[in-house]
Amino acid sequence: MKFALISDIHANLEALEAVLARIPDLPVLCLGDTVGYGVQPNEVINRIRGRASHVIMGNHDLACADGTGIDEFNPVSACAAQWTNHQLSQASIDWLLGLPYVVSTPTFALVHGSPQDPERFRYVLNWSQARFALDCPDAHKLVTFVGHSHCPTVFKLTLPNDEITITHVKDDQTMQLRTDSRYIVNVGSVGQPRDRDPRACYAVYDDESLSVSWHRVPYDITATQARIFASTMAPGAAQAIADRLALGQ
């Protein structure tokens, strides 16, 4: 069976719709940060609620819903989270606060950041962070899918020699998973990529062939920026968020 994995939509409806148009028949798994930064949080939540089989809690989801963790945000992120909180309907807030931190199946797990203390939203960016993450019980599946960094990356632990390798995914790429290894796979970001490619990014996992493929989708960034500038968000934060979309960083 194939699954579409999406993450870090960040209330960017144009990017989300562009991705969903590419995967009309696939079950969708969402790895968190559905909201934050972008200016269509309720619209994106409603779309995801009707389309995704599983959705994970992200740090921006929690901060936007009730302020938890906002003190750790930079000024732009904090401004966007506070603005989003005032836009969210009570139904959206209740839904966000009910999201799980981890979803585990017999062969794979879903978590926003690291499987190490998932409620703390740690990053997996380098060898040492991958080492800790891959030692966690929830990472003992063949593959743990994550988001959070917005950069598509594969951390592979080869057994039994206990060697970790890191692959940074560029453009459309497919990776074959080996049953003598364990993986942490970052699926990239739909709504705010940060690997200098501004196109929306998602992944497809085939649990029969044990392969993961990444796909890039162009969307109307100018329209998204126009919505941000037309919102009531503070101008400085709006400009910073709009600039980041165009640069993919």
Protein backbone atom coordinates (compact mmCIF):
# COMPACT_ATOMS: atom_id res chain seq x y z
CA MET A 1 0.00 0.00 0.00
CA LYS A 2 1.18 3.53 -0.73
CA PHE A 3 0.86 6.49 1.63
CA ALA A 4 1.38 10.19 0.96
CA LEU A 5 3.29 11.89 3.78
CA ILE A 6 3.01 15.63 4.25
CA SER A 7 4.30 17.94 6.95
CA ASP A 8 4.71 21.58 7.91
CA ILE A 9 1.87 23.01 5.87
CA HIS A 10 1.89 26.11 8.07
CA ALA A 11 -1.53 27.34 6.97
CA ASN A 12 -0.42 27.65 3.34
CA LEU A 13 -3.58 26.60 1.52
CA GLU A 14 -2.23 27.19 -2.01
CA ALA A 15 0.69 24.84 -1.40
CA LEU A 16 -1.53 22.23 0.24
CA GLU A 17 -4.05 22.22 -2.61
CA ALA A 18 -1.24 21.87 -5.16
CA VAL A 19 0.05 18.78 -3.33
CA LEU A 20 -3.36 17.21 -2.80
CA ALA A 21 -4.08 17.57 -6.51
CA ARG A 22 -1.09 15.31 -7.19
CA ILE A 23 -2.23 12.57 -4.77
CA PRO A 24 -6.00 12.30 -5.21
CA ASP A 25 -6.21 8.59 -4.46
CA LEU A 26 -3.56 8.09 -1.77
CA PRO A 27 -4.22 7.97 1.98
CA VAL A 28 -2.60 11.01 3.58
CA LEU A 29 -0.49 11.04 6.76
CA CYS A 30 0.24 14.51 8.17
CA LEU A 31 3.26 15.00 10.43
CA GLY A 32 2.31 18.21 12.14
CA ASP A 33 2.63 21.99 12.02
CA THR A 34 -0.61 22.24 10.11
CA VAL A 35 -0.81 25.90 11.17
CA GLY A 36 1.52 28.77 12.09
CA TYR A 37 3.08 31.43 9.81
CA GLY A 38 0.44 31.29 7.06
CA VAL A 39 -2.86 33.16 7.12
CA GLN A 40 -5.45 30.46 6.30
CA PRO A 41 -5.32 28.26 9.41
CA ASN A 42 -9.00 27.31 9.63
CA GLU A 43 -9.21 26.56 5.91
CA VAL A 44 -6.16 24.32 6.05
CA ILE A 45 -7.39 22.54 9.17
CA ASN A 46 -10.76 21.84 7.56
CA ARG A 47 -9.05 20.50 4.44
CA ILE A 48 -6.74 18.24 6.44
CA ARG A 49 -9.53 16.98 8.68
CA GLY A 50 -11.39 15.82 5.62
CA ARG A 51 -8.41 14.29 3.87
CA ALA A 52 -5.80 12.90 6.28
CA SER A 53 -6.01 9.48 7.91
CA HIS A 54 -3.64 10.49 10.72
CA VAL A 55 -2.39 13.90 11.87
CA ILE A 56 0.42 14.48 14.40
CA MET A 57 0.83 17.36 16.83
CA GLY A 58 3.50 19.91 15.84
CA ASN A 59 5.11 22.57 17.99
CA HIS A 60 3.41 25.38 16.06
CA ASP A 61 0.05 23.61 16.34
CA LEU A 62 0.40 23.59 20.11
CA ALA A 63 1.71 27.15 20.35
CA CYS A 64 -1.07 28.49 18.13
CA ALA A 65 -3.75 26.58 20.03
CA ASP A 66 -2.90 27.53 23.61
CA GLY A 67 0.47 29.30 23.67
CA THR A 68 2.50 26.33 24.91
CA GLY A 69 6.13 26.70 23.84
CA ILE A 70 5.72 30.17 22.36
CA ASP A 71 8.37 31.53 24.72
CA GLU A 72 10.92 29.44 22.79
CA PHE A 73 9.97 30.97 19.42
CA ASN A 74 11.83 33.74 17.63
CA PRO A 75 9.93 37.06 17.34
CA VAL A 76 8.50 36.34 13.88
CA SER A 77 7.30 32.85 14.85
CA ALA A 78 5.82 34.15 18.10
CA CYS A 79 4.02 36.99 16.34
CA ALA A 80 2.57 34.59 13.78
CA ALA A 81 1.47 32.13 16.48
CA GLN A 82 -0.27 34.82 18.49
CA TRP A 83 -1.97 36.15 15.38
CA THR A 84 -3.06 32.63 14.40
CA ASN A 85 -4.54 31.99 17.85
CA HIS A 86 -6.89 34.94 17.37
CA GLN A 87 -7.98 33.64 13.96
CA LEU A 88 -8.66 30.04 14.98
CA SER A 89 -12.22 28.91 15.60
CA GLN A 90 -12.92 27.08 18.85
CA ALA A 91 -13.48 23.91 16.83
CA SER A 92 -10.02 24.29 15.26
CA ILE A 93 -8.40 24.87 18.67
CA ASP A 94 -10.11 21.82 20.15
CA TRP A 95 -9.01 19.70 17.20
CA LEU A 96 -5.40 20.84 17.45
CA LEU A 97 -5.24 20.16 21.18
CA GLY A 98 -6.53 16.64 20.61
CA LEU A 99 -3.78 15.63 18.20
CA PRO A 100 -1.41 12.81 19.26
CA TYR A 101 2.35 13.23 19.49
CA VAL A 102 3.05 9.80 17.98
CA VAL A 103 1.25 7.35 15.71
CA SER A 104 2.76 3.88 15.59
CA THR A 105 1.96 1.05 13.17
CA PRO A 106 3.56 -2.41 12.93
CA THR A 107 6.14 -1.19 10.39
CA PHE A 108 6.46 2.59 10.76
CA ALA A 109 5.97 5.45 13.19
CA LEU A 110 4.95 9.09 12.72
CA VAL A 111 6.23 11.95 14.88
CA HIS A 112 6.74 15.65 14.23
CA GLY A 113 10.30 16.10 15.49
CA SER A 114 12.32 13.34 17.09
CA PRO A 115 11.00 10.09 18.57
CA GLN A 116 13.17 11.01 21.55
CA ASP A 117 10.73 12.81 23.89
CA PRO A 118 8.28 13.65 21.07
CA GLU A 119 6.38 16.16 23.20
CA ARG A 120 9.56 18.28 23.36
CA PHE A 121 9.83 18.61 19.56
CA ARG A 122 13.56 17.96 19.31
CA TYR A 123 15.26 18.31 15.92
CA VAL A 124 17.06 15.53 14.08
CA LEU A 125 19.64 17.41 12.03
CA ASN A 126 23.00 15.73 12.54
CA TRP A 127 24.76 12.50 13.49
CA SER A 128 24.53 12.90 17.27
CA GLN A 129 20.84 13.83 17.23
CA ALA A 130 20.14 10.88 14.93
CA ARG A 131 22.07 8.60 17.27
CA PHE A 132 19.85 9.50 20.23
CA ALA A 133 16.69 9.39 18.12
CA LEU A 134 17.39 5.98 16.62
CA ASP A 135 17.95 4.49 20.08
CA CYS A 136 14.37 5.37 21.12
CA PRO A 137 11.77 2.60 21.33
CA ASP A 138 9.53 4.32 18.78
CA ALA A 139 12.43 4.33 16.30
CA HIS A 140 12.73 0.54 16.42
CA LYS A 141 10.35 0.22 13.49
CA LEU A 142 11.86 -0.03 10.03
CA VAL A 143 11.20 3.66 9.47
CA THR A 144 10.13 6.68 11.52
CA PHE A 145 8.76 9.57 9.47
CA VAL A 146 9.33 13.12 10.75
CA GLY A 147 9.03 16.75 9.69
CA HIS A 148 9.95 19.83 11.77
CA SER A 149 13.19 20.89 10.05
CA HIS A 150 11.46 21.45 6.67
CA CYS A 151 14.40 19.75 4.93
CA PRO A 152 13.98 16.31 3.29
CA THR A 153 16.68 14.10 4.78
CA VAL A 154 17.30 10.41 5.48
CA PHE A 155 19.15 9.13 8.55
CA LYS A 156 20.05 5.47 8.12
CA LEU A 157 21.28 3.12 10.83
CA THR A 158 22.85 0.02 9.29
CA LEU A 159 22.76 -3.10 11.44
CA PRO A 160 24.63 -4.88 12.89
CA ASN A 161 27.66 -2.60 12.43
CA ASP A 162 25.75 0.34 13.96
CA GLU A 163 26.81 2.85 11.29
CA ILE A 164 24.77 6.00 10.69
CA THR A 165 24.70 7.70 7.29
CA ILE A 166 22.92 10.91 6.31
CA THR A 167 21.45 11.68 2.88
CA HIS A 168 20.10 15.13 1.98
CA VAL A 169 17.38 14.67 -0.62
CA LYS A 170 17.44 16.94 -3.66
CA ASP A 171 14.66 17.31 -6.22
CA ASP A 172 12.58 14.23 -7.00
CA GLN A 173 14.35 11.17 -5.59
CA THR A 174 13.51 7.60 -4.61
CA MET A 175 15.25 5.60 -1.89
CA GLN A 176 14.98 1.87 -1.33
CA LEU A 177 14.79 0.84 2.33
CA ARG A 178 16.68 -2.23 3.54
CA THR A 179 15.31 -4.54 6.20
CA ASP A 180 18.77 -4.82 7.81
CA SER A 181 18.63 -1.11 8.65
CA ARG A 182 16.47 1.43 10.49
CA TYR A 183 15.59 4.87 9.21
CA ILE A 184 14.45 8.31 10.25
CA VAL A 185 13.00 9.95 7.15
CA ASN A 186 12.19 13.66 6.96
CA VAL A 187 9.49 14.20 4.35
CA GLY A 188 10.16 17.93 3.84
CA SER A 189 7.66 20.78 4.03
CA VAL A 190 4.52 21.48 2.03
CA GLY A 191 4.03 25.09 3.04
CA GLN A 192 7.46 26.48 3.92
CA PRO A 193 10.45 24.52 2.51
CA ARG A 194 13.84 25.52 3.90
CA ASP A 195 16.29 23.74 1.61
CA ARG A 196 16.45 26.58 -0.92
CA ASP A 197 13.79 25.00 -3.12
CA PRO A 198 10.52 26.94 -2.62
CA ARG A 199 8.31 24.32 -4.26
CA ALA A 200 6.00 22.33 -1.98
CA CYS A 201 7.52 19.00 -0.95
CA TYR A 202 5.90 15.71 0.02
CA ALA A 203 6.86 12.03 0.13
CA VAL A 204 5.24 8.74 -0.86
CA TYR A 205 5.94 5.54 1.08
CA ASP A 206 5.29 2.16 -0.49
CA ASP A 207 5.16 -0.42 2.29
CA GLU A 208 5.22 -3.31 -0.19
CA SER A 209 8.30 -2.32 -2.18
CA LEU A 210 9.76 -0.55 0.92
CA SER A 211 10.59 2.59 -1.00
CA VAL A 212 10.24 6.30 -0.26
CA SER A 213 10.02 8.90 -3.00
CA TRP A 214 10.05 12.69 -2.67
CA HIS A 215 8.16 14.98 -4.99
CA ARG A 216 8.21 18.73 -5.61
CA VAL A 217 5.17 20.71 -6.68
CA PRO A 218 5.15 24.34 -7.85
CA TYR A 219 2.37 26.55 -6.52
CA ASP A 220 1.37 30.21 -6.71
CA ILE A 221 3.75 31.74 -4.18
CA THR A 222 2.81 35.26 -5.25
CA ALA A 223 -0.84 34.62 -4.37
CA THR A 224 0.19 33.25 -0.98
CA GLN A 225 2.34 36.30 -0.32
CA ALA A 226 -0.52 38.60 -1.31
CA ARG A 227 -2.78 36.92 1.25
CA ILE A 228 -0.15 37.42 3.94
CA PHE A 229 0.27 41.12 3.13
CA ALA A 230 -3.52 41.60 3.06
CA SER A 231 -3.90 40.09 6.53
CA THR A 232 -3.82 41.92 9.85
CA MET A 233 -0.51 40.32 10.84
CA ALA A 234 2.19 42.78 11.92
CA PRO A 235 3.91 44.10 8.76
CA GLY A 236 7.41 43.09 9.82
CA ALA A 237 6.41 39.50 10.49
CA ALA A 238 4.34 39.37 7.29
CA GLN A 239 7.31 40.55 5.24
CA ALA A 240 9.68 38.05 6.82
CA ILE A 241 7.30 35.14 6.22
CA ALA A 242 6.58 36.19 2.63
CA ASP A 243 10.30 36.52 1.87
CA ARG A 244 11.02 33.08 3.26
CA LEU A 245 8.42 31.49 0.97
CA ALA A 246 10.07 32.92 -2.13
CA LEU A 247 13.58 31.93 -1.07
CA GLY A 248 12.79 28.45 0.23
CA GLN A 249 14.81 29.02 3.39
